[in-house]
Each structure stands twice: as C-alpha cells, then as structure tokens.
Amino acid sequence: AKESDATLVLIGHITKQGSIAGPKVIEHMVDATLV
C-alpha cells in the first residue's frame, strides 16, 4: 500500500474483554486505529 500510495483499511474483531483481537503488534504496525 505504501509503495502504490493506496489507503489500506483493515477490519479487526473485538474480543469479549473489549480489546482488539489478534496480536497487539498490529496496532503498532498501522498508522491509525479507529474503534
């Protein structure tokens, strides 16, 4: 996406505890996190 100047939007799930599912590292890899 950065090489082609595309805006990339990834949809993520929410766990029962209310946190974003999947490895926490994803939140550090992206430029913005919206809930």
PDB file of all heavy atoms in Angstrom:
ATOM      1  N   ALA A   1       0.824  -1.208   0.000  1.00  0.00           N
ATOM      2  CA  ALA A   1       0.000   0.000   0.000  1.00  0.00           C
ATOM      3  C   ALA A   1       0.859   1.259   0.000  1.00  0.00           C
ATOM      4  O   ALA A   1       0.567   2.231  -0.705  1.00  0.00           O
ATOM      5  CB  ALA A   1      -0.930  -0.014   1.216  1.00  0.00           C
ATOM      6  N   LYS A   2       1.930   1.257   0.772  1.00  0.00           N
ATOM      7  CA  LYS A   2       2.795   2.436   0.821  1.00  0.00           C
ATOM      8  C   LYS A   2       3.564   2.617  -0.490  1.00  0.00           C
ATOM      9  O   LYS A   2       3.819   3.745  -0.912  1.00  0.00           O
ATOM     10  CB  LYS A   2       3.750   2.314   2.010  1.00  0.00           C
ATOM     11  CG  LYS A   2       3.049   2.389   3.365  1.00  0.00           C
ATOM     12  CD  LYS A   2       4.012   2.360   4.514  1.00  0.00           C
ATOM     13  CE  LYS A   2       3.280   2.419   5.848  1.00  0.00           C
ATOM     14  NZ  LYS A   2       2.475   3.644   6.018  1.00  0.00           N
ATOM     15  N   GLU A   3       3.925   1.519  -1.134  1.00  0.00           N
ATOM     16  CA  GLU A   3       4.622   1.629  -2.414  1.00  0.00           C
ATOM     17  C   GLU A   3       3.704   2.149  -3.524  1.00  0.00           C
ATOM     18  O   GLU A   3       4.162   2.850  -4.429  1.00  0.00           O
ATOM     19  CB  GLU A   3       5.199   0.269  -2.809  1.00  0.00           C
ATOM     20  CG  GLU A   3       6.351  -0.189  -1.910  1.00  0.00           C
ATOM     21  CD  GLU A   3       6.850  -1.566  -2.311  1.00  0.00           C
ATOM     22  OE1 GLU A   3       6.320  -2.121  -3.300  1.00  0.00           O
ATOM     23  OE2 GLU A   3       7.761  -2.089  -1.628  1.00  0.00           O
ATOM     24  N   SER A   4       2.426   1.808  -3.452  1.00  0.00           N
ATOM     25  CA  SER A   4       1.482   2.212  -4.504  1.00  0.00           C
ATOM     26  C   SER A   4       0.622   3.408  -4.103  1.00  0.00           C
ATOM     27  O   SER A   4      -0.299   3.774  -4.841  1.00  0.00           O
ATOM     28  CB  SER A   4       0.569   1.035  -4.864  1.00  0.00           C
ATOM     29  OG  SER A   4      -0.156   0.600  -3.728  1.00  0.00           O
ATOM     30  N   ASP A   5       0.892   4.026  -2.924  1.00  0.00           N
ATOM     31  CA  ASP A   5       0.138   5.189  -2.431  1.00  0.00           C
ATOM     32  C   ASP A   5      -1.350   4.883  -2.288  1.00  0.00           C
ATOM     33  O   ASP A   5      -2.209   5.719  -2.569  1.00  0.00           O
ATOM     34  CB  ASP A   5       0.321   6.403  -3.350  1.00  0.00           C
ATOM     35  CG  ASP A   5       1.638   7.113  -3.097  1.00  0.00           C
ATOM     36  OD1 ASP A   5       2.213   6.905  -2.012  1.00  0.00           O
ATOM     37  OD2 ASP A   5       2.083   7.870  -3.973  1.00  0.00           O
ATOM     38  N   ALA A   6      -1.666   3.679  -1.835  1.00  0.00           N
ATOM     39  CA  ALA A   6      -3.058   3.302  -1.604  1.00  0.00           C
ATOM     40  C   ALA A   6      -3.388   3.438  -0.116  1.00  0.00           C
ATOM     41  O   ALA A   6      -2.541   3.177   0.742  1.00  0.00           O
ATOM     42  CB  ALA A   6      -3.306   1.866  -2.065  1.00  0.00           C
ATOM     43  N   THR A   7      -4.604   3.835   0.189  1.00  0.00           N
ATOM     44  CA  THR A   7      -5.078   3.853   1.572  1.00  0.00           C
ATOM     45  C   THR A   7      -5.625   2.476   1.902  1.00  0.00           C
ATOM     46  O   THR A   7      -6.563   2.002   1.258  1.00  0.00           O
ATOM     47  CB  THR A   7      -6.171   4.916   1.770  1.00  0.00           C
ATOM     48  OG1 THR A   7      -5.644   6.205   1.449  1.00  0.00           O
ATOM     49  CG2 THR A   7      -6.657   4.916   3.204  1.00  0.00           C
ATOM     50  N   LEU A   8      -5.028   1.822   2.887  1.00  0.00           N
ATOM     51  CA  LEU A   8      -5.385   0.452   3.251  1.00  0.00           C
ATOM     52  C   LEU A   8      -6.152   0.464   4.573  1.00  0.00           C
ATOM     53  O   LEU A   8      -5.668   0.996   5.575  1.00  0.00           O
ATOM     54  CB  LEU A   8      -4.136  -0.417   3.382  1.00  0.00           C
ATOM     55  CG  LEU A   8      -4.329  -1.858   3.860  1.00  0.00           C
ATOM     56  CD1 LEU A   8      -5.140  -2.658   2.843  1.00  0.00           C
ATOM     57  CD2 LEU A   8      -2.972  -2.527   4.111  1.00  0.00           C
ATOM     58  N   VAL A   9      -7.363  -0.102   4.566  1.00  0.00           N
ATOM     59  CA  VAL A   9      -8.195  -0.184   5.765  1.00  0.00           C
ATOM     60  C   VAL A   9      -8.400  -1.655   6.110  1.00  0.00           C
ATOM     61  O   VAL A   9      -8.940  -2.416   5.296  1.00  0.00           O
ATOM     62  CB  VAL A   9      -9.558   0.501   5.567  1.00  0.00           C
ATOM     63  CG1 VAL A   9     -10.352   0.470   6.865  1.00  0.00           C
ATOM     64  CG2 VAL A   9      -9.365   1.937   5.099  1.00  0.00           C
ATOM     65  N   LEU A  10      -7.964  -2.044   7.298  1.00  0.00           N
ATOM     66  CA  LEU A  10      -8.100  -3.409   7.779  1.00  0.00           C
ATOM     67  C   LEU A  10      -9.186  -3.463   8.845  1.00  0.00           C
ATOM     68  O   LEU A  10      -9.159  -2.693   9.807  1.00  0.00           O
ATOM     69  CB  LEU A  10      -6.776  -3.908   8.376  1.00  0.00           C
ATOM     70  CG  LEU A  10      -5.530  -3.780   7.495  1.00  0.00           C
ATOM     71  CD1 LEU A  10      -4.285  -4.090   8.311  1.00  0.00           C
ATOM     72  CD2 LEU A  10      -5.627  -4.699   6.294  1.00  0.00           C
ATOM     73  N   ILE A  11     -10.133  -4.366   8.686  1.00  0.00           N
ATOM     74  CA  ILE A  11     -11.172  -4.552   9.699  1.00  0.00           C
ATOM     75  C   ILE A  11     -10.695  -5.598  10.694  1.00  0.00           C
ATOM     76  O   ILE A  11     -10.225  -6.674  10.305  1.00  0.00           O
ATOM     77  CB  ILE A  11     -12.504  -4.983   9.055  1.00  0.00           C
ATOM     78  CG1 ILE A  11     -13.069  -3.847   8.209  1.00  0.00           C
ATOM     79  CG2 ILE A  11     -13.517  -5.389  10.113  1.00  0.00           C
ATOM     80  CD1 ILE A  11     -14.392  -4.173   7.558  1.00  0.00           C
ATOM     81  N   GLY A  12     -10.806  -5.289  11.980  1.00  0.00           N
ATOM     82  CA  GLY A  12     -10.406  -6.211  13.039  1.00  0.00           C
ATOM     83  C   GLY A  12     -11.560  -6.495  13.979  1.00  0.00           C
ATOM     84  O   GLY A  12     -12.522  -5.721  14.069  1.00  0.00           O
ATOM     85  N   HIS A  13     -11.473  -7.614  14.683  1.00  0.00           N
ATOM     86  CA  HIS A  13     -12.540  -8.014  15.604  1.00  0.00           C
ATOM     87  C   HIS A  13     -12.246  -7.510  17.013  1.00  0.00           C
ATOM     88  O   HIS A  13     -11.122  -7.135  17.354  1.00  0.00           O
ATOM     89  CB  HIS A  13     -12.689  -9.534  15.624  1.00  0.00           C
ATOM     90  CG  HIS A  13     -13.091 -10.112  14.299  1.00  0.00           C
ATOM     91  ND1 HIS A  13     -14.212  -9.694  13.630  1.00  0.00           N
ATOM     92  CD2 HIS A  13     -12.517 -11.074  13.526  1.00  0.00           C
ATOM     93  CE1 HIS A  13     -14.329 -10.371  12.504  1.00  0.00           C
ATOM     94  NE2 HIS A  13     -13.300 -11.211  12.409  1.00  0.00           N
ATOM     95  N   ILE A  14     -13.273  -7.523  17.844  1.00  0.00           N
ATOM     96  CA  ILE A  14     -13.175  -7.165  19.254  1.00  0.00           C
ATOM     97  C   ILE A  14     -13.420  -8.421  20.083  1.00  0.00           C
ATOM     98  O   ILE A  14     -14.360  -9.183  19.824  1.00  0.00           O
ATOM     99  CB  ILE A  14     -14.202  -6.078  19.629  1.00  0.00           C
ATOM    100  CG1 ILE A  14     -13.821  -4.750  18.992  1.00  0.00           C
ATOM    101  CG2 ILE A  14     -14.320  -5.917  21.132  1.00  0.00           C
ATOM    102  CD1 ILE A  14     -12.605  -4.100  19.590  1.00  0.00           C
ATOM    103  N   THR A  15     -12.580  -8.655  21.099  1.00  0.00           N
ATOM    104  CA  THR A  15     -12.736  -9.821  21.965  1.00  0.00           C
ATOM    105  C   THR A  15     -13.846  -9.572  22.994  1.00  0.00           C
ATOM    106  O   THR A  15     -14.383  -8.481  23.117  1.00  0.00           O
ATOM    107  CB  THR A  15     -11.425 -10.135  22.694  1.00  0.00           C
ATOM    108  OG1 THR A  15     -11.102  -9.034  23.563  1.00  0.00           O
ATOM    109  CG2 THR A  15     -10.301 -10.331  21.703  1.00  0.00           C
ATOM    110  N   LYS A  16     -14.172 -10.612  23.768  1.00  0.00           N
ATOM    111  CA  LYS A  16     -15.185 -10.471  24.812  1.00  0.00           C
ATOM    112  C   LYS A  16     -14.759  -9.472  25.883  1.00  0.00           C
ATOM    113  O   LYS A  16     -15.598  -8.877  26.551  1.00  0.00           O
ATOM    114  CB  LYS A  16     -15.452 -11.843  25.457  1.00  0.00           C
ATOM    115  CG  LYS A  16     -16.080 -12.854  24.521  1.00  0.00           C
ATOM    116  CD  LYS A  16     -16.330 -14.172  25.233  1.00  0.00           C
ATOM    117  CE  LYS A  16     -16.975 -15.182  24.287  1.00  0.00           C
ATOM    118  NZ  LYS A  16     -17.212 -16.490  24.972  1.00  0.00           N
ATOM    119  N   GLN A  17     -13.454  -9.299  26.063  1.00  0.00           N
ATOM    120  CA  GLN A  17     -12.945  -8.355  27.050  1.00  0.00           C
ATOM    121  C   GLN A  17     -12.951  -6.920  26.544  1.00  0.00           C
ATOM    122  O   GLN A  17     -12.625  -5.997  27.281  1.00  0.00           O
ATOM    123  CB  GLN A  17     -11.527  -8.739  27.475  1.00  0.00           C
ATOM    124  CG  GLN A  17     -11.431 -10.024  28.285  1.00  0.00           C
ATOM    125  CD  GLN A  17     -11.620 -11.266  27.429  1.00  0.00           C
ATOM    126  OE1 GLN A  17     -11.329 -11.248  26.231  1.00  0.00           O
ATOM    127  NE2 GLN A  17     -12.102 -12.338  28.039  1.00  0.00           N
ATOM    128  N   GLY A  18     -13.323  -6.719  25.252  1.00  0.00           N
ATOM    129  CA  GLY A  18     -13.405  -5.373  24.712  1.00  0.00           C
ATOM    130  C   GLY A  18     -12.145  -4.877  24.039  1.00  0.00           C
ATOM    131  O   GLY A  18     -12.093  -3.745  23.574  1.00  0.00           O
ATOM    132  N   SER A  19     -11.103  -5.719  23.948  1.00  0.00           N
ATOM    133  CA  SER A  19      -9.867  -5.320  23.286  1.00  0.00           C
ATOM    134  C   SER A  19      -9.863  -5.826  21.850  1.00  0.00           C
ATOM    135  O   SER A  19     -10.646  -6.703  21.478  1.00  0.00           O
ATOM    136  CB  SER A  19      -8.647  -5.867  24.043  1.00  0.00           C
ATOM    137  OG  SER A  19      -8.700  -7.282  24.111  1.00  0.00           O
ATOM    138  N   ILE A  20      -8.954  -5.263  21.045  1.00  0.00           N
ATOM    139  CA  ILE A  20      -8.868  -5.653  19.643  1.00  0.00           C
ATOM    140  C   ILE A  20      -8.267  -7.042  19.539  1.00  0.00           C
ATOM    141  O   ILE A  20      -7.201  -7.314  20.110  1.00  0.00           O
ATOM    142  CB  ILE A  20      -8.029  -4.638  18.859  1.00  0.00           C
ATOM    143  CG1 ILE A  20      -8.682  -3.254  18.949  1.00  0.00           C
ATOM    144  CG2 ILE A  20      -7.892  -5.056  17.409  1.00  0.00           C
ATOM    145  CD1 ILE A  20      -7.883  -2.164  18.284  1.00  0.00           C
ATOM    146  N   ALA A  21      -8.937  -7.931  18.821  1.00  0.00           N
ATOM    147  CA  ALA A  21      -8.474  -9.305  18.703  1.00  0.00           C
ATOM    148  C   ALA A  21      -7.224  -9.368  17.841  1.00  0.00           C
ATOM    149  O   ALA A  21      -6.930  -8.485  17.038  1.00  0.00           O
ATOM    150  CB  ALA A  21      -9.576 -10.179  18.101  1.00  0.00           C
ATOM    151  N   GLY A  22      -6.481 -10.477  18.006  1.00  0.00           N
ATOM    152  CA  GLY A  22      -5.251 -10.644  17.239  1.00  0.00           C
ATOM    153  C   GLY A  22      -4.044 -10.128  18.000  1.00  0.00           C
ATOM    154  O   GLY A  22      -4.162  -9.594  19.097  1.00  0.00           O
ATOM    155  N   PRO A  23      -2.855 -10.285  17.430  1.00  0.00           N
ATOM    156  CA  PRO A  23      -1.651  -9.832  18.124  1.00  0.00           C
ATOM    157  C   PRO A  23      -1.624  -8.324  18.306  1.00  0.00           C
ATOM    158  O   PRO A  23      -2.040  -7.560  17.441  1.00  0.00           O
ATOM    159  CB  PRO A  23      -0.522 -10.298  17.197  1.00  0.00           C
ATOM    160  CG  PRO A  23      -1.160 -10.456  15.858  1.00  0.00           C
ATOM    161  CD  PRO A  23      -2.566 -10.874  16.117  1.00  0.00           C
ATOM    162  N   LYS A  24      -1.136  -7.905  19.448  1.00  0.00           N
ATOM    163  CA  LYS A  24      -1.051  -6.469  19.746  1.00  0.00           C
ATOM    164  C   LYS A  24      -0.128  -5.748  18.775  1.00  0.00           C
ATOM    165  O   LYS A  24      -0.236  -4.532  18.582  1.00  0.00           O
ATOM    166  CB  LYS A  24      -0.537  -6.294  21.179  1.00  0.00           C
ATOM    167  CG  LYS A  24      -0.651  -4.890  21.739  1.00  0.00           C
ATOM    168  CD  LYS A  24      -2.086  -4.548  22.056  1.00  0.00           C
ATOM    169  CE  LYS A  24      -2.186  -3.199  22.739  1.00  0.00           C
ATOM    170  NZ  LYS A  24      -3.587  -2.807  23.013  1.00  0.00           N
ATOM    171  N   VAL A  25       0.743  -6.500  18.127  1.00  0.00           N
ATOM    172  CA  VAL A  25       1.717  -5.892  17.224  1.00  0.00           C
ATOM    173  C   VAL A  25       1.041  -5.196  16.045  1.00  0.00           C
ATOM    174  O   VAL A  25       1.600  -4.266  15.472  1.00  0.00           O
ATOM    175  CB  VAL A  25       2.724  -6.945  16.729  1.00  0.00           C
ATOM    176  CG1 VAL A  25       2.062  -7.939  15.794  1.00  0.00           C
ATOM    177  CG2 VAL A  25       3.902  -6.296  16.042  1.00  0.00           C
ATOM    178  N   ILE A  26      -0.185  -5.620  15.688  1.00  0.00           N
ATOM    179  CA  ILE A  26      -0.879  -4.992  14.563  1.00  0.00           C
ATOM    180  C   ILE A  26      -1.098  -3.510  14.835  1.00  0.00           C
ATOM    181  O   ILE A  26      -0.947  -2.671  13.953  1.00  0.00           O
ATOM    182  CB  ILE A  26      -2.224  -5.686  14.300  1.00  0.00           C
ATOM    183  CG1 ILE A  26      -1.999  -7.114  13.824  1.00  0.00           C
ATOM    184  CG2 ILE A  26      -3.023  -4.941  13.244  1.00  0.00           C
ATOM    185  CD1 ILE A  26      -3.261  -7.827  13.509  1.00  0.00           C
ATOM    186  N   GLU A  27      -1.468  -3.173  16.077  1.00  0.00           N
ATOM    187  CA  GLU A  27      -1.734  -1.778  16.407  1.00  0.00           C
ATOM    188  C   GLU A  27      -0.488  -0.922  16.275  1.00  0.00           C
ATOM    189  O   GLU A  27      -0.582   0.288  16.064  1.00  0.00           O
ATOM    190  CB  GLU A  27      -2.314  -1.673  17.812  1.00  0.00           C
ATOM    191  CG  GLU A  27      -3.648  -2.387  17.975  1.00  0.00           C
ATOM    192  CD  GLU A  27      -4.217  -2.227  19.353  1.00  0.00           C
ATOM    193  OE1 GLU A  27      -4.388  -1.073  19.805  1.00  0.00           O
ATOM    194  OE2 GLU A  27      -4.489  -3.247  20.001  1.00  0.00           O
ATOM    195  N   HIS A  28       0.692  -1.527  16.425  1.00  0.00           N
ATOM    196  CA  HIS A  28       1.939  -0.783  16.260  1.00  0.00           C
ATOM    197  C   HIS A  28       2.336  -0.674  14.790  1.00  0.00           C
ATOM    198  O   HIS A  28       3.071   0.239  14.420  1.00  0.00           O
ATOM    199  CB  HIS A  28       3.066  -1.456  17.055  1.00  0.00           C
ATOM    200  CG  HIS A  28       2.807  -1.529  18.520  1.00  0.00           C
ATOM    201  ND1 HIS A  28       2.912  -0.441  19.345  1.00  0.00           N
ATOM    202  CD2 HIS A  28       2.432  -2.556  19.309  1.00  0.00           C
ATOM    203  CE1 HIS A  28       2.623  -0.789  20.591  1.00  0.00           C
ATOM    204  NE2 HIS A  28       2.327  -2.075  20.586  1.00  0.00           N
ATOM    205  N   MET A  29       1.842  -1.579  13.956  1.00  0.00           N
ATOM    206  CA  MET A  29       2.216  -1.578  12.549  1.00  0.00           C
ATOM    207  C   MET A  29       1.391  -0.600  11.728  1.00  0.00           C
ATOM    208  O   MET A  29       1.830  -0.167  10.664  1.00  0.00           O
ATOM    209  CB  MET A  29       2.069  -3.001  11.977  1.00  0.00           C
ATOM    210  CG  MET A  29       2.994  -4.024  12.616  1.00  0.00           C
ATOM    211  SD  MET A  29       2.608  -5.716  12.108  1.00  0.00           S
ATOM    212  CE  MET A  29       2.981  -5.654  10.367  1.00  0.00           C
ATOM    213  N   VAL A  30       0.191  -0.267  12.182  1.00  0.00           N
ATOM    214  CA  VAL A  30      -0.694   0.593  11.406  1.00  0.00           C
ATOM    215  C   VAL A  30      -0.476   2.052  11.795  1.00  0.00           C
ATOM    216  O   VAL A  30       0.089   2.362  12.845  1.00  0.00           O
ATOM    217  CB  VAL A  30      -2.164   0.195  11.619  1.00  0.00           C
ATOM    218  CG1 VAL A  30      -2.394  -1.236  11.175  1.00  0.00           C
ATOM    219  CG2 VAL A  30      -2.576   0.371  13.073  1.00  0.00           C
ATOM    220  N   ASP A  31      -0.945   2.943  10.928  1.00  0.00           N
ATOM    221  CA  ASP A  31      -0.807   4.376  11.184  1.00  0.00           C
ATOM    222  C   ASP A  31      -1.936   4.924  12.042  1.00  0.00           C
ATOM    223  O   ASP A  31      -1.759   5.938  12.722  1.00  0.00           O
ATOM    224  CB  ASP A  31      -0.777   5.143   9.851  1.00  0.00           C
ATOM    225  CG  ASP A  31       0.408   4.737   8.983  1.00  0.00           C
ATOM    226  OD1 ASP A  31       1.533   4.701   9.515  1.00  0.00           O
ATOM    227  OD2 ASP A  31       0.203   4.440   7.796  1.00  0.00           O
ATOM    228  N   ALA A  32      -3.089   4.293  12.001  1.00  0.00           N
ATOM    229  CA  ALA A  32      -4.234   4.778  12.770  1.00  0.00           C
ATOM    230  C   ALA A  32      -5.081   3.590  13.204  1.00  0.00           C
ATOM    231  O   ALA A  32      -5.205   2.599  12.478  1.00  0.00           O
ATOM    232  CB  ALA A  32      -5.077   5.758  11.954  1.00  0.00           C
ATOM    233  N   THR A  33      -5.647   3.716  14.399  1.00  0.00           N
ATOM    234  CA  THR A  33      -6.561   2.707  14.919  1.00  0.00           C
ATOM    235  C   THR A  33      -7.868   3.379  15.286  1.00  0.00           C
ATOM    236  O   THR A  33      -7.888   4.276  16.139  1.00  0.00           O
ATOM    237  CB  THR A  33      -5.979   2.006  16.160  1.00  0.00           C
ATOM    238  OG1 THR A  33      -4.729   1.387  15.821  1.00  0.00           O
ATOM    239  CG2 THR A  33      -6.933   0.947  16.680  1.00  0.00           C
ATOM    240  N   LEU A  34      -8.942   2.978  14.626  1.00  0.00           N
ATOM    241  CA  LEU A  34     -10.267   3.510  14.899  1.00  0.00           C
ATOM    242  C   LEU A  34     -11.133   2.404  15.488  1.00  0.00           C
ATOM    243  O   LEU A  34     -10.997   1.238  15.129  1.00  0.00           O
ATOM    244  CB  LEU A  34     -10.932   4.040  13.622  1.00  0.00           C
ATOM    245  CG  LEU A  34     -10.153   5.052  12.777  1.00  0.00           C
ATOM    246  CD1 LEU A  34     -11.016   5.541  11.623  1.00  0.00           C
ATOM    247  CD2 LEU A  34      -9.664   6.209  13.617  1.00  0.00           C
ATOM    248  N   VAL A  35     -12.010   2.792  16.407  1.00  0.00           N
ATOM    249  CA  VAL A  35     -12.922   1.843  17.049  1.00  0.00           C
ATOM    250  C   VAL A  35     -14.341   2.352  16.865  1.00  0.00           C
ATOM    251  O   VAL A  35     -14.636   3.524  17.126  1.00  0.00           O
ATOM    252  CB  VAL A  35     -12.601   1.680  18.548  1.00  0.00           C
ATOM    253  CG1 VAL A  35     -13.607   0.755  19.213  1.00  0.00           C
ATOM    254  CG2 VAL A  35     -11.195   1.129  18.736  1.00  0.00           C
TER     255      VAL A  35
END
